[in-house]
């Protein structure tokens, strides 16, 4: 048994050590060199060497119908009898081809009422590009034990200029478990709560949780999050009193700090911060060709352990799960699932929430420098969160007590110059979420999730109109993660660092593009999903991959 405090200290040390970005140990280049197809550095999803069955959901399916309207692929997924389970792994594969001109769009896949994938697309090259990603969806295994309806696709819009149609091939592969590849411990029930949009006039969405099992022992709330409009790059937003000093620049307000506050039946149940995703058209489109920003294709949902609330969830009633966007400045797409583990030896469980210290808002500060002779100003915003929830659930194995804690520290310093048309910001966002469960015989489960999301942006926007502008930017963004799971045996640890550094330039005069160029690198160092450590380095220039070297994995 190891104290939470010491585990958190180790997590932070590992995250800091992964900040070293060197490709010195890289091995032989792969075939990506000279390609303009999008590529990413994180390791691929591993596939067990067991009997498997692949079920197609869409084959060369266009995002738009014959009249140009957006369309989804739909149907019913039924796992073949030859792969009836249990499964060692379930993997979603999605390949997309697109040519012409188009903006980045969002795509999703729902099985029943459960959203199992959400992400954004790549902005195409006129000559056409193809890209693929895979997602481990084993956690949703319980959904596939009986036939389920599915609905998915890319929400695309066409007009006389934006002509690109996304053509999609989507499959799910089920890998049978065997002695060497056992089925992992996944939720017994996944309750899809659906989704809705929050906006400045209504910052809270309410999602009903009905017909939940009466014998829950553990519960995790999974939240998918996407900001739009002024909140698409919320980390570049400035406080309202700063935005008002540069009226012609149109700077977005509400400041740079966002969080999602979750409540169950009106009681605060958890808080989640999230990675500063940048879509492939974000800031300057040439930043992301052909190496996209970190996590763009698969916007990983956030997890909030709500096990202390199990006593409420097992009462057979419909419960209100509320999600609120703090400091909201524009529309947000929110969706949620409840991941539920049940008591296999009892029809009912019971419990009580015993402690809840979640404050209504984070502790936030704003400090602004006095404008200099040119009107330049630096605004610094900080935020912090520390909270605990505790509760117990009475099960067939006895009483299990769970404590969930969070510590988060956020800082964004933004120097605004050139009358508001240039920004240079540095943001650090660090946090640790921990959950500790004890039963009559000791440790039941301990989980620690630590993150560091540093991002630096230097951007200049000289805009007259859509036909006359000069955009340039440099972005350095990193996602460092540390995860530990201990169920009383050997702890499972996964850690990684994924960094993209990119420069992009886009200039148009009198409706003609006179400059469009960029260069970028991506370096991933960390574990794959089997725990094997490796590195992967990518470099690009002028829209083509120039280096692709790996070591390990």
Protein backbone atom coordinates (compact mmCIF):
# COMPACT_ATOMS: atom_id res chain seq x y z
CA UNK A 1 0.00 0.00 0.00
CA UNK A 2 1.37 3.47 -0.90
CA UNK A 3 0.11 6.84 0.34
CA UNK A 4 -1.60 9.07 -2.24
CA UNK A 5 0.81 11.92 -1.47
CA UNK A 6 3.90 9.87 -2.34
CA UNK A 7 2.27 8.55 -5.52
CA UNK A 8 1.46 12.10 -6.63
CA UNK A 9 5.07 13.14 -6.01
CA UNK A 10 6.29 10.30 -8.21
CA UNK A 11 3.73 11.23 -10.89
CA UNK A 12 4.95 14.82 -11.03
CA UNK A 13 8.58 13.71 -11.23
CA UNK A 14 7.81 11.37 -14.12
CA UNK A 15 5.90 14.10 -15.98
CA UNK A 16 8.78 16.52 -15.61
CA UNK A 17 11.29 13.94 -16.80
CA UNK A 18 9.25 13.41 -19.95
CA UNK A 19 9.67 17.06 -20.86
CA UNK A 20 13.05 16.26 -22.48
CA UNK A 21 12.49 16.26 -26.24
CA UNK A 22 15.38 14.59 -28.03
CA UNK A 23 15.33 12.30 -31.02
CA UNK A 24 18.93 11.15 -30.51
CA UNK A 25 17.92 7.50 -30.07
CA UNK A 26 15.66 7.41 -33.12
CA UNK A 27 15.96 4.47 -35.46
CA UNK A 28 15.49 3.91 -39.20
CA UNK A 29 13.17 6.31 -41.11
CA UNK A 30 9.82 4.88 -42.16
CA UNK A 31 7.96 5.38 -45.43
CA UNK A 32 6.18 8.61 -44.43
CA UNK A 33 9.03 10.83 -45.73
CA UNK A 34 7.89 13.02 -48.66
CA UNK A 35 4.22 12.32 -47.91
CA UNK A 36 1.68 15.08 -47.42
CA UNK A 37 -0.89 12.80 -45.80
CA UNK A 38 -1.50 13.68 -42.13
CA UNK A 39 0.54 11.67 -39.62
CA UNK A 40 0.82 11.70 -35.84
CA UNK A 41 3.55 10.51 -33.48
CA UNK A 42 1.70 8.60 -30.68
CA UNK A 43 2.03 4.79 -30.93
CA UNK A 44 -0.74 2.83 -32.68
CA UNK A 45 -3.32 0.81 -30.79
CA UNK A 46 -1.92 -2.66 -30.13
CA UNK A 47 -3.80 -5.68 -31.51
CA UNK A 48 -3.78 -9.07 -29.76
CA UNK A 49 -2.95 -12.08 -31.95
CA UNK A 50 -6.27 -13.79 -31.31
CA UNK A 51 -9.26 -14.74 -33.41
CA UNK A 52 -11.07 -11.58 -34.48
CA UNK A 53 -14.09 -10.36 -36.41
CA UNK A 54 -14.36 -7.01 -38.18
CA UNK A 55 -17.78 -5.40 -38.55
CA UNK A 56 -18.15 -2.60 -41.13
CA UNK A 57 -20.17 0.45 -40.16
CA UNK A 58 -19.45 2.51 -43.29
CA UNK A 59 -17.60 1.86 -46.55
CA UNK A 60 -16.55 4.83 -48.68
CA UNK A 61 -19.44 6.76 -47.17
CA UNK A 62 -19.60 10.44 -48.25
CA UNK A 63 -20.23 13.11 -45.63
CA UNK A 64 -22.76 14.76 -47.95
CA UNK A 65 -25.67 13.46 -50.02
CA UNK A 66 -26.44 14.15 -53.67
CA UNK A 67 -27.99 17.54 -52.88
CA UNK A 68 -25.06 18.60 -50.66
CA UNK A 69 -26.67 18.08 -47.27
CA UNK A 70 -24.69 16.51 -44.45
CA UNK A 71 -25.53 12.87 -43.76
CA UNK A 72 -24.64 10.23 -41.18
CA UNK A 73 -24.10 6.52 -41.63
CA UNK A 74 -26.56 4.44 -39.61
CA UNK A 75 -27.46 0.83 -38.97
CA UNK A 76 -27.43 -1.90 -36.36
CA UNK A 77 -24.23 -3.51 -35.16
CA UNK A 78 -24.39 -7.18 -34.22
CA UNK A 79 -21.20 -9.03 -33.33
CA UNK A 80 -20.80 -12.26 -35.38
CA UNK A 81 -21.41 -15.49 -33.52
CA UNK A 82 -17.79 -16.47 -34.12
CA UNK A 83 -16.66 -13.57 -31.92
CA UNK A 84 -19.32 -13.61 -29.24
CA UNK A 85 -16.87 -12.62 -26.51
CA UNK A 86 -15.47 -12.05 -24.04
CA UNK A 87 -13.07 -9.75 -25.88
CA UNK A 88 -9.45 -8.97 -25.14
CA UNK A 89 -9.81 -5.74 -27.10
CA UNK A 90 -12.33 -3.85 -29.22
CA UNK A 91 -10.91 -1.35 -31.72
CA UNK A 92 -12.55 1.35 -33.83
CA UNK A 93 -10.79 2.13 -37.14
CA UNK A 94 -11.69 5.23 -39.16
CA UNK A 95 -10.14 6.16 -42.53
CA UNK A 96 -11.06 9.40 -44.28
CA UNK A 97 -10.20 10.78 -47.72
CA UNK A 98 -10.96 14.32 -48.85
CA UNK A 99 -9.94 16.67 -51.64
CA UNK A 100 -10.82 20.20 -52.65
CA UNK A 101 -11.30 23.07 -50.21
CA UNK A 102 -12.90 22.67 -46.79
CA UNK A 103 -12.75 23.82 -43.18
CA UNK A 104 -12.11 21.50 -40.24
CA UNK A 105 -15.28 19.74 -39.16
CA UNK A 106 -16.29 17.54 -36.22
CA UNK A 107 -17.29 13.90 -36.30
CA UNK A 108 -18.78 11.46 -33.83
CA UNK A 109 -20.08 7.92 -33.40
CA UNK A 110 -22.91 6.86 -31.13
CA UNK A 111 -23.92 3.31 -30.24
CA UNK A 112 -27.40 3.55 -28.86
CA UNK A 113 -27.34 6.66 -26.66
CA UNK A 114 -23.63 6.30 -25.89
CA UNK A 115 -21.10 8.50 -27.64
CA UNK A 116 -18.03 6.30 -28.14
CA UNK A 117 -16.03 8.69 -30.34
CA UNK A 118 -15.73 12.44 -30.88
CA UNK A 119 -13.06 14.31 -32.82
CA UNK A 120 -12.29 16.76 -35.58
CA UNK A 121 -11.15 16.41 -39.18
CA UNK A 122 -8.17 17.46 -41.23
CA UNK A 123 -8.37 20.42 -43.61
CA UNK A 124 -7.75 18.94 -47.06
CA UNK A 125 -5.20 19.70 -49.72
CA UNK A 126 -6.83 20.52 -53.09
CA UNK A 127 -5.12 17.46 -54.59
CA UNK A 128 -6.54 15.19 -51.88
CA UNK A 129 -5.29 13.52 -48.71
CA UNK A 130 -6.09 10.37 -46.74
CA UNK A 131 -5.67 9.83 -43.02
CA UNK A 132 -6.58 7.14 -40.50
CA UNK A 133 -6.84 6.74 -36.77
CA UNK A 134 -7.69 3.90 -34.41
CA UNK A 135 -9.33 4.11 -30.99
CA UNK A 136 -9.40 1.47 -28.26
CA UNK A 137 -13.09 1.22 -27.33
CA UNK A 138 -12.82 -1.87 -25.11
CA UNK A 139 -14.34 0.08 -22.21
CA UNK A 140 -17.66 0.02 -24.10
CA UNK A 141 -17.68 -3.80 -24.46
CA UNK A 142 -20.93 -4.18 -22.53
CA UNK A 143 -22.76 -2.27 -25.28
CA UNK A 144 -22.01 -4.98 -27.86
CA UNK A 145 -23.38 -8.02 -26.01
CA UNK A 146 -26.63 -7.50 -27.93
CA UNK A 147 -27.42 -5.81 -31.28
CA UNK A 148 -27.30 -2.01 -31.02
CA UNK A 149 -28.24 0.83 -33.37
CA UNK A 150 -25.40 3.14 -34.40
CA UNK A 151 -25.24 6.62 -35.88
CA UNK A 152 -22.10 8.47 -36.89
CA UNK A 153 -20.25 10.63 -39.34
CA UNK A 154 -18.77 14.03 -40.06
CA UNK A 155 -20.99 17.11 -39.96
CA UNK A 156 -19.90 18.79 -43.18
CA UNK A 157 -21.10 21.91 -45.00
CA UNK A 158 -20.71 22.65 -48.71
CA UNK A 159 -20.94 25.81 -50.78
CA UNK A 160 -19.42 27.20 -53.97
CA UNK A 161 -16.00 27.61 -52.31
CA UNK A 162 -15.96 24.86 -49.68
CA UNK A 163 -16.25 21.80 -51.89
CA UNK A 164 -14.43 19.06 -49.96
CA UNK A 165 -16.47 15.93 -49.17
CA UNK A 166 -15.13 13.56 -46.50
CA UNK A 167 -15.33 9.94 -47.65
CA UNK A 168 -15.25 7.57 -44.67
CA UNK A 169 -14.62 3.89 -44.07
CA UNK A 170 -15.37 2.85 -40.48
CA UNK A 171 -15.07 -0.57 -38.83
CA UNK A 172 -15.08 -2.13 -35.37
CA UNK A 173 -12.92 -5.19 -34.74
CA UNK A 174 -13.58 -7.61 -31.88
CA UNK A 175 -10.56 -9.62 -30.65
CA UNK A 176 -11.50 -12.76 -28.73
CA UNK A 177 -9.97 -13.25 -25.28
CA UNK A 178 -7.83 -16.30 -24.58
CA UNK A 179 -5.48 -17.53 -21.83
CA UNK A 180 -2.66 -15.23 -22.91
CA UNK A 181 -4.96 -12.31 -23.69
CA UNK A 182 -7.68 -12.21 -21.03
CA UNK A 183 -10.58 -9.80 -21.11
CA UNK A 184 -9.76 -6.70 -19.03
CA UNK A 185 -11.95 -5.48 -16.21
CA UNK A 186 -14.27 -3.03 -17.94
CA UNK A 187 -17.57 -1.41 -16.86
CA UNK A 188 -20.45 -3.85 -16.52
CA UNK A 189 -22.86 -1.18 -17.77
CA UNK A 190 -22.33 1.92 -19.89
CA UNK A 191 -25.20 4.37 -19.59
CA UNK A 192 -25.17 6.90 -22.41
CA UNK A 193 -26.64 10.17 -21.17
CA UNK A 194 -26.68 11.90 -24.57
CA UNK A 195 -25.51 15.43 -25.16
CA UNK A 196 -26.54 19.04 -25.51
CA UNK A 197 -25.06 22.47 -26.14
CA UNK A 198 -24.24 25.05 -23.49
CA UNK A 199 -24.10 28.72 -24.45
CA UNK A 200 -23.68 32.09 -22.72
CA UNK A 201 -27.42 32.34 -22.14
CA UNK A 202 -27.58 28.86 -20.61
CA UNK A 203 -24.20 27.68 -19.36
CA UNK A 204 -25.59 24.44 -17.86
CA UNK A 205 -26.89 21.38 -19.67
CA UNK A 206 -29.01 18.78 -17.88
CA UNK A 207 -28.73 15.13 -18.90
CA UNK A 208 -31.11 12.53 -17.38
CA UNK A 209 -29.67 9.31 -16.00
CA UNK A 210 -32.50 6.78 -15.92
CA UNK A 211 -32.88 3.01 -15.44
CA UNK A 212 -29.51 2.63 -13.76
CA UNK A 213 -28.66 -0.72 -12.13
CA UNK A 214 -29.52 -1.03 -8.45
CA UNK A 215 -26.25 -2.77 -7.52
CA UNK A 216 -23.57 -0.26 -8.56
CA UNK A 217 -20.23 -0.42 -6.72
CA UNK A 218 -18.20 2.09 -8.73
CA UNK A 219 -19.17 4.95 -11.08
CA UNK A 220 -17.17 7.20 -13.42
CA UNK A 221 -18.61 10.11 -15.38
CA UNK A 222 -17.10 10.42 -18.87
CA UNK A 223 -17.46 13.86 -20.47
CA UNK A 224 -16.79 14.89 -24.09
CA UNK A 225 -16.06 18.61 -24.49
CA UNK A 226 -15.69 20.94 -27.48
CA UNK A 227 -15.70 24.72 -27.56
CA UNK A 228 -16.81 26.72 -30.59
CA UNK A 229 -16.58 30.25 -31.96
CA UNK A 230 -14.86 32.54 -29.47
CA UNK A 231 -14.32 29.53 -27.21
CA UNK A 232 -12.78 27.32 -29.90
CA UNK A 233 -9.39 28.53 -28.69
CA UNK A 234 -10.53 29.62 -25.24
CA UNK A 235 -6.91 29.77 -24.03
CA UNK A 236 -6.35 32.84 -26.27
CA UNK A 237 -9.35 34.68 -24.81
CA UNK A 238 -8.67 37.72 -22.62
CA UNK A 239 -10.59 39.24 -19.71
CA UNK A 240 -13.47 41.51 -20.73
CA UNK A 241 -11.79 44.63 -19.36
CA UNK A 242 -8.76 43.90 -21.56
CA UNK A 243 -10.78 43.10 -24.67
CA UNK A 244 -12.61 46.43 -24.35
CA UNK A 245 -9.29 48.29 -24.66
CA UNK A 246 -8.82 46.95 -28.23
CA UNK A 247 -12.27 47.31 -29.83
CA UNK A 248 -11.06 47.11 -33.45
CA UNK A 249 -9.17 43.84 -32.84
CA UNK A 250 -12.25 41.85 -31.83
CA UNK A 251 -10.48 39.96 -29.06
CA UNK A 252 -12.67 37.32 -27.43
CA UNK A 253 -13.48 37.93 -23.79
CA UNK A 254 -14.31 35.97 -20.61
CA UNK A 255 -10.62 35.28 -19.95
CA UNK A 256 -8.60 32.11 -20.71
CA UNK A 257 -9.71 29.77 -17.92
CA UNK A 258 -12.42 27.17 -18.55
CA UNK A 259 -13.58 24.16 -16.57
CA UNK A 260 -16.58 21.84 -16.61
CA UNK A 261 -18.41 21.56 -13.29
CA UNK A 262 -20.47 18.39 -12.83
CA UNK A 263 -23.38 18.04 -10.42
CA UNK A 264 -25.67 15.13 -9.56
CA UNK A 265 -29.17 16.17 -8.49
CA UNK A 266 -27.86 19.65 -7.71
CA UNK A 267 -24.91 18.54 -5.56
CA UNK A 268 -21.40 19.33 -6.90
CA UNK A 269 -19.92 15.99 -7.98
CA UNK A 270 -16.61 16.91 -9.63
CA UNK A 271 -14.67 19.32 -11.80
CA UNK A 272 -12.66 18.65 -14.92
CA UNK A 273 -10.19 20.74 -16.86
CA UNK A 274 -9.27 19.69 -20.37
CA UNK A 275 -6.57 19.77 -22.98
CA UNK A 276 -6.29 22.89 -25.22
CA UNK A 277 -7.17 21.15 -28.48
CA UNK A 278 -6.50 23.11 -31.68
CA UNK A 279 -8.34 22.08 -34.84
CA UNK A 280 -6.55 21.90 -38.20
CA UNK A 281 -7.85 25.34 -39.22
CA UNK A 282 -7.06 26.86 -35.84
CA UNK A 283 -5.04 30.09 -35.54
CA UNK A 284 -3.31 29.66 -38.95
CA UNK A 285 -4.29 26.65 -41.10
CA UNK A 286 -0.74 26.10 -42.41
CA UNK A 287 0.41 25.36 -38.85
CA UNK A 288 -1.02 21.86 -39.10
CA UNK A 289 0.03 20.60 -42.54
CA UNK A 290 0.74 17.71 -42.50
CA UNK A 291 1.32 17.24 -38.74
CA UNK A 292 -1.89 18.12 -36.86
CA UNK A 293 -2.06 19.52 -33.36
CA UNK A 294 -1.94 17.12 -30.41
CA UNK A 295 -5.07 14.98 -30.05
CA UNK A 296 -7.02 16.58 -32.89
CA UNK A 297 -8.46 13.45 -34.50
CA UNK A 298 -9.61 11.81 -31.25
CA UNK A 299 -10.58 14.35 -28.58
CA UNK A 300 -10.21 12.12 -25.55
CA UNK A 301 -13.08 12.55 -23.06
CA UNK A 302 -12.39 13.53 -19.47
CA UNK A 303 -13.16 11.25 -16.51
CA UNK A 304 -14.65 12.22 -13.14
CA UNK A 305 -14.85 9.52 -10.46
CA UNK A 306 -18.32 9.86 -8.89
CA UNK A 307 -18.17 6.66 -6.81
CA UNK A 308 -18.92 8.63 -3.60
CA UNK A 309 -22.39 9.27 -5.13
CA UNK A 310 -23.23 5.60 -5.76
CA UNK A 311 -25.65 5.56 -2.81
CA UNK A 312 -27.81 8.07 -4.67
CA UNK A 313 -27.55 6.42 -8.07
CA UNK A 314 -28.88 3.01 -6.93
CA UNK A 315 -32.26 4.23 -5.68
CA UNK A 316 -34.10 3.34 -8.90
CA UNK A 317 -34.98 6.96 -9.71
CA UNK A 318 -34.04 9.19 -12.63
CA UNK A 319 -31.17 11.48 -11.75
CA UNK A 320 -30.11 14.84 -13.15
CA UNK A 321 -26.49 15.06 -14.30
CA UNK A 322 -25.70 18.74 -14.87
CA UNK A 323 -22.62 20.04 -16.69
CA UNK A 324 -21.71 23.73 -16.44
CA UNK A 325 -19.06 25.59 -18.44
CA UNK A 326 -17.29 28.12 -16.23
CA UNK A 327 -16.58 31.56 -17.79
CA UNK A 328 -18.48 30.53 -20.91
CA UNK A 329 -18.05 32.85 -23.90
CA UNK A 330 -19.65 30.89 -26.76
CA UNK A 331 -21.33 27.58 -27.61
CA UNK A 332 -19.97 24.32 -26.18
CA UNK A 333 -20.84 20.78 -27.29
CA UNK A 334 -21.12 18.53 -24.24
CA UNK A 335 -21.94 14.82 -24.00
CA UNK A 336 -21.60 12.33 -21.16
CA UNK A 337 -21.66 8.63 -20.30
CA UNK A 338 -21.78 6.88 -16.94
CA UNK A 339 -19.34 3.97 -16.69
CA UNK A 340 -20.72 1.61 -14.03
CA UNK A 341 -19.30 -1.44 -12.25
CA UNK A 342 -21.83 -3.66 -10.44
CA UNK A 343 -21.92 -6.21 -7.62
CA UNK A 344 -21.97 -9.67 -9.22
CA UNK A 345 -23.18 -11.26 -5.99
CA UNK A 346 -25.95 -8.90 -4.89
CA UNK A 347 -29.04 -7.44 -6.55
CA UNK A 348 -28.79 -4.16 -4.65
CA UNK A 349 -26.20 -1.99 -2.98
CA UNK A 350 -26.58 1.12 -0.85
CA UNK A 351 -24.41 3.95 0.37
CA UNK A 352 -24.01 7.57 1.41
CA UNK A 353 -22.07 10.66 0.37
CA UNK A 354 -20.15 11.63 3.52
CA UNK A 355 -18.07 14.66 2.46
CA UNK A 356 -18.08 17.20 -0.38
CA UNK A 357 -15.76 20.24 -0.39
CA UNK A 358 -16.23 21.32 -4.02
CA UNK A 359 -16.49 25.12 -4.14
CA UNK A 360 -18.90 26.74 -6.63
CA UNK A 361 -16.02 28.30 -8.56
CA UNK A 362 -12.25 28.06 -8.83
CA UNK A 363 -10.06 30.62 -7.08
CA UNK A 364 -9.20 33.02 -9.92
CA UNK A 365 -7.04 36.15 -10.12
CA UNK A 366 -6.35 38.74 -12.84
CA UNK A 367 -3.38 41.10 -12.99
CA UNK A 368 -2.86 43.59 -15.82
CA UNK A 369 0.14 45.79 -16.53
CA UNK A 370 -0.30 49.49 -17.20
CA UNK A 371 -0.48 50.05 -20.97
CA UNK A 372 2.76 51.47 -22.38
CA UNK A 373 3.02 54.31 -24.91
CA UNK A 374 1.90 51.97 -27.71
CA UNK A 375 -1.02 50.69 -25.69
CA UNK A 376 0.58 47.26 -25.20
CA UNK A 377 -0.57 45.34 -22.15
CA UNK A 378 0.13 42.01 -20.47
CA UNK A 379 -2.69 40.26 -18.66
CA UNK A 380 -2.02 37.34 -16.31
CA UNK A 381 -4.84 35.06 -15.16
CA UNK A 382 -4.41 32.31 -12.58
CA UNK A 383 -6.82 29.71 -11.23
CA UNK A 384 -6.63 26.94 -8.65
CA UNK A 385 -8.78 24.05 -7.52
CA UNK A 386 -8.52 21.78 -4.46
CA UNK A 387 -11.46 19.61 -3.46
CA UNK A 388 -12.46 16.26 -2.00
CA UNK A 389 -15.53 14.05 -2.16
CA UNK A 390 -15.97 10.96 0.03
CA UNK A 391 -18.60 8.30 0.43
CA UNK A 392 -19.22 4.62 1.01
CA UNK A 393 -21.15 1.82 -0.64
CA UNK A 394 -22.28 -1.37 1.11
CA UNK A 395 -21.66 -4.39 -1.12
CA UNK A 396 -21.68 -8.17 -0.85
CA UNK A 397 -17.96 -7.88 -0.01
CA UNK A 398 -18.60 -5.37 2.77
CA UNK A 399 -18.42 -1.61 3.02
CA UNK A 400 -16.14 0.15 0.50
CA UNK A 401 -15.10 3.70 1.28
CA UNK A 402 -13.91 5.95 -1.54
CA UNK A 403 -12.23 9.36 -1.45
CA UNK A 404 -11.70 11.42 -4.61
CA UNK A 405 -9.37 14.45 -4.63
CA UNK A 406 -8.26 17.03 -7.16
CA UNK A 407 -5.49 19.62 -7.21
CA UNK A 408 -5.15 21.98 -10.19
CA UNK A 409 -2.97 25.05 -10.83
CA UNK A 410 -3.46 27.21 -13.93
CA UNK A 411 -1.60 30.29 -15.21
CA UNK A 412 -1.95 32.21 -18.48
CA UNK A 413 0.22 35.26 -19.27
CA UNK A 414 -0.77 37.04 -22.50
CA UNK A 415 1.15 40.01 -23.95
CA UNK A 416 -1.13 41.93 -26.33
CA UNK A 417 0.52 44.30 -28.81
CA UNK A 418 -0.02 45.93 -32.23
CA UNK A 419 -3.35 47.36 -31.21
CA UNK A 420 -4.63 43.95 -30.20
CA UNK A 421 -3.63 42.23 -33.46
CA UNK A 422 -0.68 40.35 -31.93
CA UNK A 423 -0.61 38.03 -28.93
CA UNK A 424 2.21 36.21 -27.19
CA UNK A 425 0.91 33.92 -24.48
CA UNK A 426 2.32 31.24 -22.25
CA UNK A 427 -0.05 28.94 -20.41
CA UNK A 428 0.64 26.23 -17.84
CA UNK A 429 -2.13 23.94 -16.67
CA UNK A 430 -1.15 21.20 -14.19
CA UNK A 431 -3.29 18.90 -12.12
CA UNK A 432 -3.71 15.60 -10.33
CA UNK A 433 -6.89 13.61 -9.81
CA UNK A 434 -6.72 10.73 -7.34
CA UNK A 435 -9.23 8.15 -6.15
CA UNK A 436 -8.68 5.75 -3.26
CA UNK A 437 -11.07 2.93 -2.28
CA UNK A 438 -10.73 0.70 0.80
CA UNK A 439 -12.82 -2.30 1.85
CA UNK A 440 -12.89 -4.55 4.91
CA UNK A 441 -9.70 -6.29 3.77
CA UNK A 442 -7.69 -3.27 2.66
CA UNK A 443 -7.07 -1.58 -0.64
CA UNK A 444 -9.71 -2.13 -3.32
CA UNK A 445 -8.52 0.34 -5.92
CA UNK A 446 -6.22 3.33 -6.21
CA UNK A 447 -6.01 5.52 -9.32
CA UNK A 448 -3.92 8.60 -10.01
CA UNK A 449 -4.17 10.73 -13.15
CA UNK A 450 -1.74 13.63 -13.47
CA UNK A 451 -1.47 16.02 -16.39
CA UNK A 452 0.60 18.94 -17.64
CA UNK A 453 -0.64 21.00 -20.60
CA UNK A 454 1.90 23.74 -21.34
CA UNK A 455 1.25 25.80 -24.47
CA UNK A 456 2.99 28.85 -25.95
CA UNK A 457 1.54 30.87 -28.81
CA UNK A 458 2.96 33.82 -30.76
CA UNK A 459 0.45 35.06 -33.32
CA UNK A 460 0.02 38.13 -35.51
CA UNK A 461 -3.17 38.93 -37.38
CA UNK A 462 -3.21 41.77 -39.92
CA UNK A 463 -6.69 41.56 -41.41
CA UNK A 464 -8.44 44.01 -43.73
CA UNK A 465 -11.06 41.61 -45.08
CA UNK A 466 -11.35 38.02 -46.34
CA UNK A 467 -9.33 38.88 -49.45
CA UNK A 468 -6.59 40.87 -47.74
CA UNK A 469 -4.85 39.51 -44.67
CA UNK A 470 -1.51 38.39 -43.26
CA UNK A 471 -1.54 35.67 -40.61
CA UNK A 472 1.49 34.12 -38.94
CA UNK A 473 1.95 32.12 -35.76
CA UNK A 474 4.20 29.78 -33.84
CA UNK A 475 2.64 27.24 -31.48
CA UNK A 476 4.42 24.94 -29.02
CA UNK A 477 1.97 22.60 -27.27
CA UNK A 478 2.55 19.53 -25.09
CA UNK A 479 0.39 16.91 -23.43
CA UNK A 480 2.15 15.07 -20.57
CA UNK A 481 0.20 12.32 -18.83
CA UNK A 482 0.82 9.97 -15.91
CA UNK A 483 -1.66 7.25 -14.92
CA UNK A 484 -1.37 4.71 -12.14
CA UNK A 485 -3.84 1.97 -11.27
CA UNK A 486 -3.38 -0.27 -8.23
CA UNK A 487 -5.86 -2.97 -7.28
CA UNK A 488 -3.67 -4.61 -4.67
CA UNK A 489 -1.24 -6.37 -6.97
CA UNK A 490 1.47 -4.89 -9.14
CA UNK A 491 0.51 -1.30 -10.02
CA UNK A 492 0.01 -0.51 -13.71
CA UNK A 493 1.74 2.72 -14.75
CA UNK A 494 1.48 4.57 -18.07
CA UNK A 495 3.23 7.85 -18.83
CA UNK A 496 3.82 9.88 -21.98
CA UNK A 497 4.78 13.25 -23.42
CA UNK A 498 3.51 14.41 -26.81
CA UNK A 499 4.86 17.76 -28.11
CA UNK A 500 4.12 19.61 -31.36
CA UNK A 501 6.02 22.74 -32.38
CA UNK A 502 4.73 24.45 -35.49
CA UNK A 503 5.10 27.64 -37.55
CA UNK A 504 2.58 28.74 -40.16
CA UNK A 505 2.14 31.68 -42.53
CA UNK A 506 -0.91 32.53 -44.65
CA UNK A 507 -1.13 35.73 -46.67
CA UNK A 508 -3.68 36.92 -49.24
CA UNK A 509 -3.77 40.15 -51.28
CA UNK A 510 -6.70 41.20 -53.46
CA UNK A 511 -8.16 37.73 -53.21
CA UNK A 512 -4.98 35.96 -54.28
CA UNK A 513 -2.88 33.81 -51.93
CA UNK A 514 0.64 35.22 -52.05
CA UNK A 515 2.18 33.18 -49.20
CA UNK A 516 1.19 29.93 -47.52
CA UNK A 517 3.89 27.90 -45.85
CA UNK A 518 4.91 26.23 -42.63
CA UNK A 519 7.14 23.77 -40.85
CA UNK A 520 6.66 21.66 -37.75
CA UNK A 521 7.92 18.85 -35.54
CA UNK A 522 6.28 16.34 -33.23
CA UNK A 523 8.03 14.25 -30.61
CA UNK A 524 6.33 11.52 -28.59
CA UNK A 525 8.09 9.76 -25.72
CA UNK A 526 6.29 7.30 -23.50
CA UNK A 527 4.47 4.00 -23.15
CA UNK A 528 2.16 2.37 -25.62
CA UNK A 529 -0.98 0.64 -24.37
CA UNK A 530 0.96 -2.52 -23.45
CA UNK A 531 3.52 -0.61 -21.37
CA UNK A 532 6.37 -0.74 -23.89
CA UNK A 533 8.39 2.49 -23.96
CA UNK A 534 9.37 4.17 -27.21
CA UNK A 535 9.91 7.44 -29.05
CA UNK A 536 8.65 8.78 -32.36
CA UNK A 537 9.93 11.96 -34.06
CA UNK A 538 8.29 13.66 -37.04
CA UNK A 539 9.34 16.76 -38.95
CA UNK A 540 7.74 18.57 -41.87
CA UNK A 541 8.42 21.49 -44.19
CA UNK A 542 6.33 23.12 -46.92
CA UNK A 543 3.48 20.67 -46.32
CA UNK A 544 5.53 17.46 -46.65
CA UNK A 545 7.00 15.05 -44.09
CA UNK A 546 10.79 15.35 -44.06
CA UNK A 547 11.68 13.05 -41.14
CA UNK A 548 9.91 10.09 -39.54
CA UNK A 549 12.02 8.09 -37.06
CA UNK A 550 11.03 5.74 -34.28
CA UNK A 551 12.67 3.79 -31.48
CA UNK A 552 10.99 1.12 -29.40
CA UNK A 553 7.32 0.15 -29.43
